[in-house]
Amino acid sequence: MILLIAVFISALAVVITRYHSRVLFIELQRLQQQRDKLNENWGQLQLELSTLAQPQRIETAAREKLLLRAPNREEIVILRGKSDDKRPN
């Protein structure tokens, strides 16, 4: 009788362990899919960043959207601080 109870408990433990294993495997697959989607998003964001950070694009946006331009030679003012006074010319 004790052997039968031990076999039953052992079988029940196997069933519970297999169920827990399946639950964990499903969670693992879900997390791997999430990781893959995040990696894909990361790649797209890196590509977008490299496109947006191109110097020519930034310069065009500065000129067209912000109406910026390079200053004329007459508009440039050089400021010298106290530490600049001690430097040799």
N, C-alpha and C. Protein backbone atom coordinates (compact mmCIF):
# COMPACT_ATOMS: atom_id res chain seq x y z
N MET A 1 0.82 -1.20 0.00
CA MET A 1 0.00 0.00 0.00
C MET A 1 0.87 1.27 0.00
N ILE A 2 1.93 1.25 0.80
CA ILE A 2 2.82 2.41 0.86
C ILE A 2 3.50 2.62 -0.49
N LEU A 3 3.85 1.52 -1.15
CA LEU A 3 4.48 1.62 -2.46
C LEU A 3 3.52 2.25 -3.47
N LEU A 4 2.26 1.90 -3.40
CA LEU A 4 1.25 2.47 -4.30
C LEU A 4 1.09 3.96 -4.06
N ILE A 5 1.08 4.38 -2.82
CA ILE A 5 0.98 5.81 -2.47
C ILE A 5 2.22 6.54 -2.95
N ALA A 6 3.38 5.94 -2.78
CA ALA A 6 4.63 6.57 -3.23
C ALA A 6 4.63 6.72 -4.75
N VAL A 7 4.17 5.69 -5.48
CA VAL A 7 4.09 5.76 -6.94
C VAL A 7 3.11 6.85 -7.35
N PHE A 8 1.98 6.93 -6.68
CA PHE A 8 0.97 7.95 -6.99
C PHE A 8 1.53 9.36 -6.75
N ILE A 9 2.19 9.56 -5.63
CA ILE A 9 2.79 10.87 -5.33
C ILE A 9 3.88 11.21 -6.34
N SER A 10 4.66 10.23 -6.71
CA SER A 10 5.72 10.44 -7.70
C SER A 10 5.12 10.82 -9.05
N ALA A 11 4.07 10.12 -9.46
CA ALA A 11 3.40 10.43 -10.73
C ALA A 11 2.79 11.83 -10.69
N LEU A 12 2.20 12.17 -9.58
CA LEU A 12 1.63 13.51 -9.43
C LEU A 12 2.72 14.58 -9.50
N ALA A 13 3.85 14.31 -8.89
CA ALA A 13 4.98 15.25 -8.95
C ALA A 13 5.48 15.41 -10.39
N VAL A 14 5.51 14.30 -11.14
CA VAL A 14 5.93 14.37 -12.56
C VAL A 14 4.96 15.22 -13.35
N VAL A 15 3.67 15.03 -13.14
CA VAL A 15 2.64 15.81 -13.86
C VAL A 15 2.77 17.30 -13.52
N ILE A 16 2.92 17.60 -12.26
CA ILE A 16 3.05 19.01 -11.84
C ILE A 16 4.32 19.61 -12.42
N THR A 17 5.41 18.86 -12.39
CA THR A 17 6.68 19.37 -12.94
C THR A 17 6.58 19.60 -14.44
N ARG A 18 5.96 18.67 -15.15
CA ARG A 18 5.80 18.85 -16.60
C ARG A 18 4.91 20.06 -16.91
N TYR A 19 3.84 20.22 -16.15
CA TYR A 19 2.97 21.38 -16.34
C TYR A 19 3.75 22.68 -16.11
N HIS A 20 4.49 22.73 -15.04
CA HIS A 20 5.29 23.92 -14.72
C HIS A 20 6.34 24.18 -15.82
N SER A 21 6.92 23.09 -16.31
CA SER A 21 7.90 23.21 -17.39
C SER A 21 7.25 23.78 -18.64
N ARG A 22 6.06 23.35 -18.98
CA ARG A 22 5.36 23.88 -20.16
C ARG A 22 5.01 25.36 -19.99
N VAL A 23 4.56 25.70 -18.81
CA VAL A 23 4.24 27.11 -18.54
C VAL A 23 5.49 27.98 -18.71
N LEU A 24 6.62 27.51 -18.18
CA LEU A 24 7.86 28.27 -18.31
C LEU A 24 8.32 28.33 -19.76
N PHE A 25 8.14 27.25 -20.52
CA PHE A 25 8.53 27.24 -21.92
C PHE A 25 7.69 28.23 -22.72
N ILE A 26 6.41 28.29 -22.46
CA ILE A 26 5.53 29.25 -23.14
C ILE A 26 5.97 30.68 -22.80
N GLU A 27 6.30 30.93 -21.56
CA GLU A 27 6.78 32.25 -21.15
C GLU A 27 8.11 32.58 -21.84
N LEU A 28 8.98 31.59 -21.95
CA LEU A 28 10.25 31.78 -22.64
C LEU A 28 10.02 32.17 -24.09
N GLN A 29 9.13 31.48 -24.78
CA GLN A 29 8.83 31.80 -26.17
C GLN A 29 8.26 33.21 -26.31
N ARG A 30 7.38 33.57 -25.39
CA ARG A 30 6.79 34.92 -25.43
C ARG A 30 7.88 35.98 -25.24
N LEU A 31 8.77 35.75 -24.31
CA LEU A 31 9.85 36.71 -24.06
C LEU A 31 10.83 36.78 -25.23
N GLN A 32 11.08 35.65 -25.88
CA GLN A 32 11.96 35.65 -27.05
C GLN A 32 11.34 36.43 -28.20
N GLN A 33 10.03 36.28 -28.39
CA GLN A 33 9.34 37.05 -29.42
C GLN A 33 9.39 38.54 -29.11
N GLN A 34 9.20 38.87 -27.84
CA GLN A 34 9.27 40.27 -27.42
C GLN A 34 10.68 40.81 -27.67
N ARG A 35 11.71 40.03 -27.33
CA ARG A 35 13.09 40.43 -27.57
C ARG A 35 13.34 40.67 -29.06
N ASP A 36 12.84 39.78 -29.90
CA ASP A 36 13.02 39.92 -31.34
C ASP A 36 12.36 41.20 -31.86
N LYS A 37 11.17 41.50 -31.37
CA LYS A 37 10.48 42.73 -31.78
C LYS A 37 11.25 43.96 -31.31
N LEU A 38 11.76 43.90 -30.08
CA LEU A 38 12.53 45.03 -29.56
C LEU A 38 13.83 45.22 -30.34
N ASN A 39 14.48 44.13 -30.71
CA ASN A 39 15.70 44.22 -31.52
C ASN A 39 15.40 44.82 -32.89
N GLU A 40 14.28 44.45 -33.46
CA GLU A 40 13.88 45.01 -34.75
C GLU A 40 13.62 46.52 -34.62
N ASN A 41 12.90 46.89 -33.56
CA ASN A 41 12.65 48.32 -33.30
C ASN A 41 13.96 49.07 -33.10
N TRP A 42 14.89 48.49 -32.36
CA TRP A 42 16.18 49.11 -32.10
C TRP A 42 16.92 49.36 -33.41
N GLY A 43 16.92 48.38 -34.30
CA GLY A 43 17.56 48.54 -35.59
C GLY A 43 16.93 49.66 -36.40
N GLN A 44 15.61 49.73 -36.38
CA GLN A 44 14.91 50.79 -37.11
C GLN A 44 15.23 52.16 -36.52
N LEU A 45 15.30 52.24 -35.20
CA LEU A 45 15.62 53.52 -34.55
C LEU A 45 17.06 53.94 -34.84
N GLN A 46 17.99 52.97 -34.87
CA GLN A 46 19.38 53.29 -35.20
C GLN A 46 19.48 53.84 -36.62
N LEU A 47 18.76 53.20 -37.55
CA LEU A 47 18.75 53.66 -38.94
C LEU A 47 18.15 55.06 -39.04
N GLU A 48 17.06 55.29 -38.33
CA GLU A 48 16.41 56.60 -38.33
C GLU A 48 17.34 57.66 -37.73
N LEU A 49 18.01 57.31 -36.66
CA LEU A 49 18.94 58.25 -36.03
C LEU A 49 20.09 58.61 -36.96
N SER A 50 20.64 57.62 -37.65
CA SER A 50 21.74 57.91 -38.55
C SER A 50 21.27 58.79 -39.71
N THR A 51 20.04 58.60 -40.14
CA THR A 51 19.49 59.43 -41.21
C THR A 51 19.26 60.86 -40.71
N LEU A 52 18.69 60.98 -39.52
CA LEU A 52 18.37 62.32 -39.00
C LEU A 52 19.62 63.09 -38.60
N ALA A 53 20.69 62.41 -38.27
CA ALA A 53 21.89 63.08 -37.77
C ALA A 53 22.88 63.44 -38.88
N GLN A 54 22.53 63.22 -40.13
CA GLN A 54 23.44 63.56 -41.22
C GLN A 54 23.63 65.08 -41.25
N PRO A 55 24.88 65.53 -41.34
CA PRO A 55 25.15 66.97 -41.31
C PRO A 55 24.40 67.76 -42.38
N GLN A 56 24.29 67.21 -43.56
CA GLN A 56 23.59 67.93 -44.63
C GLN A 56 22.11 68.12 -44.29
N ARG A 57 21.50 67.11 -43.69
CA ARG A 57 20.09 67.21 -43.32
C ARG A 57 19.91 68.25 -42.21
N ILE A 58 20.82 68.26 -41.25
CA ILE A 58 20.74 69.23 -40.16
C ILE A 58 20.91 70.65 -40.70
N GLU A 59 21.87 70.83 -41.61
CA GLU A 59 22.10 72.15 -42.17
C GLU A 59 20.90 72.63 -42.98
N THR A 60 20.31 71.73 -43.77
CA THR A 60 19.13 72.09 -44.56
C THR A 60 17.97 72.47 -43.64
N ALA A 61 17.77 71.70 -42.57
CA ALA A 61 16.68 72.01 -41.64
C ALA A 61 16.93 73.35 -40.95
N ALA A 62 18.18 73.63 -40.60
CA ALA A 62 18.50 74.90 -39.95
C ALA A 62 18.21 76.08 -40.87
N ARG A 63 18.54 75.92 -42.13
CA ARG A 63 18.30 77.02 -43.07
C ARG A 63 16.83 77.18 -43.40
N GLU A 64 16.14 76.08 -43.68
CA GLU A 64 14.76 76.18 -44.15
C GLU A 64 13.75 76.38 -43.01
N LYS A 65 13.90 75.62 -41.95
CA LYS A 65 12.89 75.69 -40.88
C LYS A 65 13.19 76.77 -39.86
N LEU A 66 14.45 76.97 -39.54
CA LEU A 66 14.82 77.95 -38.52
C LEU A 66 15.34 79.26 -39.11
N LEU A 67 15.46 79.28 -40.44
CA LEU A 67 15.94 80.46 -41.16
C LEU A 67 17.32 80.91 -40.67
N LEU A 68 18.17 79.95 -40.36
CA LEU A 68 19.52 80.27 -39.93
C LEU A 68 20.44 80.39 -41.15
N ARG A 69 21.52 81.12 -40.96
CA ARG A 69 22.51 81.26 -42.03
C ARG A 69 23.86 81.51 -41.38
N ALA A 70 24.90 81.29 -42.16
CA ALA A 70 26.25 81.55 -41.66
C ALA A 70 26.44 83.06 -41.56
N PRO A 71 27.09 83.55 -40.51
CA PRO A 71 27.29 85.00 -40.35
C PRO A 71 28.31 85.52 -41.35
N ASN A 72 28.12 86.79 -41.74
CA ASN A 72 29.11 87.47 -42.59
C ASN A 72 30.35 87.75 -41.75
N ARG A 73 31.44 88.06 -42.40
CA ARG A 73 32.69 88.36 -41.70
C ARG A 73 32.50 89.57 -40.77
N GLU A 74 31.71 90.54 -41.19
CA GLU A 74 31.48 91.74 -40.37
C GLU A 74 30.63 91.43 -39.14
N GLU A 75 29.85 90.37 -39.17
CA GLU A 75 28.96 90.03 -38.06
C GLU A 75 29.65 89.20 -36.97
N ILE A 76 30.84 88.73 -37.24
CA ILE A 76 31.55 87.89 -36.28
C ILE A 76 32.26 88.76 -35.25
N VAL A 77 32.00 88.48 -33.98
CA VAL A 77 32.64 89.22 -32.89
C VAL A 77 33.39 88.20 -32.04
N ILE A 78 34.68 88.45 -31.81
CA ILE A 78 35.48 87.56 -30.99
C ILE A 78 35.59 88.17 -29.60
N LEU A 79 35.17 87.42 -28.60
CA LEU A 79 35.24 87.87 -27.22
C LEU A 79 36.46 87.25 -26.56
N ARG A 80 37.17 88.05 -25.84
CA ARG A 80 38.35 87.56 -25.14
C ARG A 80 38.11 87.69 -23.64
N GLY A 81 38.42 86.63 -22.93
CA GLY A 81 38.26 86.63 -21.48
C GLY A 81 39.57 86.97 -20.80
N LYS A 82 39.56 86.97 -19.49
CA LYS A 82 40.77 87.29 -18.73
C LYS A 82 41.88 86.28 -19.01
N SER A 83 41.54 85.02 -19.16
CA SER A 83 42.57 84.01 -19.41
C SER A 83 43.20 84.19 -20.80
N ASP A 84 42.46 84.79 -21.74
CA ASP A 84 43.00 85.04 -23.08
C ASP A 84 44.01 86.18 -23.07
N ASP A 85 43.91 87.12 -22.09
CA ASP A 85 44.83 88.27 -22.04
C ASP A 85 46.27 87.83 -21.75
N LYS A 86 46.45 86.72 -21.06
CA LYS A 86 47.78 86.26 -20.67
C LYS A 86 48.44 85.43 -21.75
N ARG A 87 47.70 85.03 -22.77
CA ARG A 87 48.27 84.23 -23.85
C ARG A 87 49.06 85.11 -24.80
N PRO A 88 50.18 84.59 -25.30
CA PRO A 88 50.94 85.36 -26.30
C PRO A 88 50.19 85.37 -27.61
N ASN A 89 50.30 86.47 -28.36
CA ASN A 89 49.61 86.57 -29.64
C ASN A 89 50.29 85.78 -30.66
